[in-house]
Amino acid sequence: MIVCSCNVITMAQVKGAIADGASRPRDVYCACGKSAQCGCCTPTILSIIREEPSRRAA
């Protein structure tokens, strides 16, 4: 699933960046070698970041 249309960043890439230590949307963009464009995906990325740690802890 594409999370960021501007940069074509997938859910798998976002989760991979989080697993590697990304804790902010900016970190996710950087891990993917991209930067924010329109910013519409930022709330979605932030939501994924907030959900991922609880999944790993479970």
C-alpha atoms as a PDB file:
ATOM      1  CA  MET A   1       0.000   0.000   0.000  1.00  0.00           C
ATOM      2  CA  ILE A   2       1.291   3.457  -0.911  1.00  0.00           C
ATOM      3  CA  VAL A   3       1.371   5.799   2.096  1.00  0.00           C
ATOM      4  CA  CYS A   4       2.965   8.785   0.346  1.00  0.00           C
ATOM      5  CA  SER A   5       1.894   9.415  -3.232  1.00  0.00           C
ATOM      6  CA  CYS A   6       4.355  12.249  -3.846  1.00  0.00           C
ATOM      7  CA  ASN A   7       7.373  10.119  -2.931  1.00  0.00           C
ATOM      8  CA  VAL A   8       5.822   6.690  -3.582  1.00  0.00           C
ATOM      9  CA  ILE A   9       6.646   5.488  -0.066  1.00  0.00           C
ATOM     10  CA  THR A  10       4.983   2.217   0.836  1.00  0.00           C
ATOM     11  CA  MET A  11       3.642   0.946   4.148  1.00  0.00           C
ATOM     12  CA  ALA A  12       6.467  -1.623   4.185  1.00  0.00           C
ATOM     13  CA  GLN A  13       9.055   1.153   3.826  1.00  0.00           C
ATOM     14  CA  VAL A  14       7.457   3.152   6.639  1.00  0.00           C
ATOM     15  CA  LYS A  15       7.387   0.109   8.939  1.00  0.00           C
ATOM     16  CA  GLY A  16      10.964  -0.744   7.992  1.00  0.00           C
ATOM     17  CA  ALA A  17      12.103   2.775   8.839  1.00  0.00           C
ATOM     18  CA  ILE A  18      10.308   2.569  12.181  1.00  0.00           C
ATOM     19  CA  ALA A  19      11.920  -0.798  12.907  1.00  0.00           C
ATOM     20  CA  ASP A  20      15.282   0.834  12.191  1.00  0.00           C
ATOM     21  CA  GLY A  21      14.572   3.576  14.738  1.00  0.00           C
ATOM     22  CA  ALA A  22      12.546   6.273  12.980  1.00  0.00           C
ATOM     23  CA  SER A  23      10.419   8.049  15.567  1.00  0.00           C
ATOM     24  CA  ARG A  24       9.178  11.040  13.572  1.00  0.00           C
ATOM     25  CA  PRO A  25       7.762  11.445  10.058  1.00  0.00           C
ATOM     26  CA  ARG A  26      10.929  13.358   9.143  1.00  0.00           C
ATOM     27  CA  ASP A  27      12.984  10.294  10.147  1.00  0.00           C
ATOM     28  CA  VAL A  28      10.845   8.083   7.911  1.00  0.00           C
ATOM     29  CA  TYR A  29      11.294  10.374   4.894  1.00  0.00           C
ATOM     30  CA  CYS A  30      15.039  10.499   5.527  1.00  0.00           C
ATOM     31  CA  ALA A  31      15.299   6.708   5.894  1.00  0.00           C
ATOM     32  CA  CYS A  32      13.604   6.400   2.499  1.00  0.00           C
ATOM     33  CA  GLY A  33      15.938   8.975   0.951  1.00  0.00           C
ATOM     34  CA  LYS A  34      13.078  11.417   0.463  1.00  0.00           C
ATOM     35  CA  SER A  35      11.705  14.622   1.945  1.00  0.00           C
ATOM     36  CA  ALA A  36       8.164  15.783   2.602  1.00  0.00           C
ATOM     37  CA  GLN A  37       6.443  17.284  -0.415  1.00  0.00           C
ATOM     38  CA  CYS A  38       2.783  18.228   0.116  1.00  0.00           C
ATOM     39  CA  GLY A  39       2.629  16.843   3.681  1.00  0.00           C
ATOM     40  CA  CYS A  40      -0.729  15.104   3.288  1.00  0.00           C
ATOM     41  CA  CYS A  41       0.796  11.775   4.348  1.00  0.00           C
ATOM     42  CA  THR A  42       2.440  13.139   7.496  1.00  0.00           C
ATOM     43  CA  PRO A  43      -0.576  12.423   9.767  1.00  0.00           C
ATOM     44  CA  THR A  44      -0.774   8.882   8.383  1.00  0.00           C
ATOM     45  CA  ILE A  45       2.939   8.266   8.952  1.00  0.00           C
ATOM     46  CA  LEU A  46       2.642   9.674  12.469  1.00  0.00           C
ATOM     47  CA  SER A  47      -0.276   7.347  13.146  1.00  0.00           C
ATOM     48  CA  ILE A  48       1.729   4.349  11.952  1.00  0.00           C
ATOM     49  CA  ILE A  49       4.647   5.401  14.167  1.00  0.00           C
ATOM     50  CA  ARG A  50       2.334   5.593  17.168  1.00  0.00           C
ATOM     51  CA  GLU A  51       0.859   2.151  16.434  1.00  0.00           C
ATOM     52  CA  GLU A  52       4.079   0.249  15.668  1.00  0.00           C
ATOM     53  CA  PRO A  53       5.777   0.272  19.099  1.00  0.00           C
ATOM     54  CA  SER A  54       2.692  -1.246  20.761  1.00  0.00           C
ATOM     55  CA  ARG A  55       2.716  -4.061  18.207  1.00  0.00           C
ATOM     56  CA  ARG A  56       6.393  -4.825  18.868  1.00  0.00           C
ATOM     57  CA  ALA A  57       5.865  -4.779  22.640  1.00  0.00           C
ATOM     58  CA  ALA A  58       2.967  -7.255  22.423  1.00  0.00           C
END
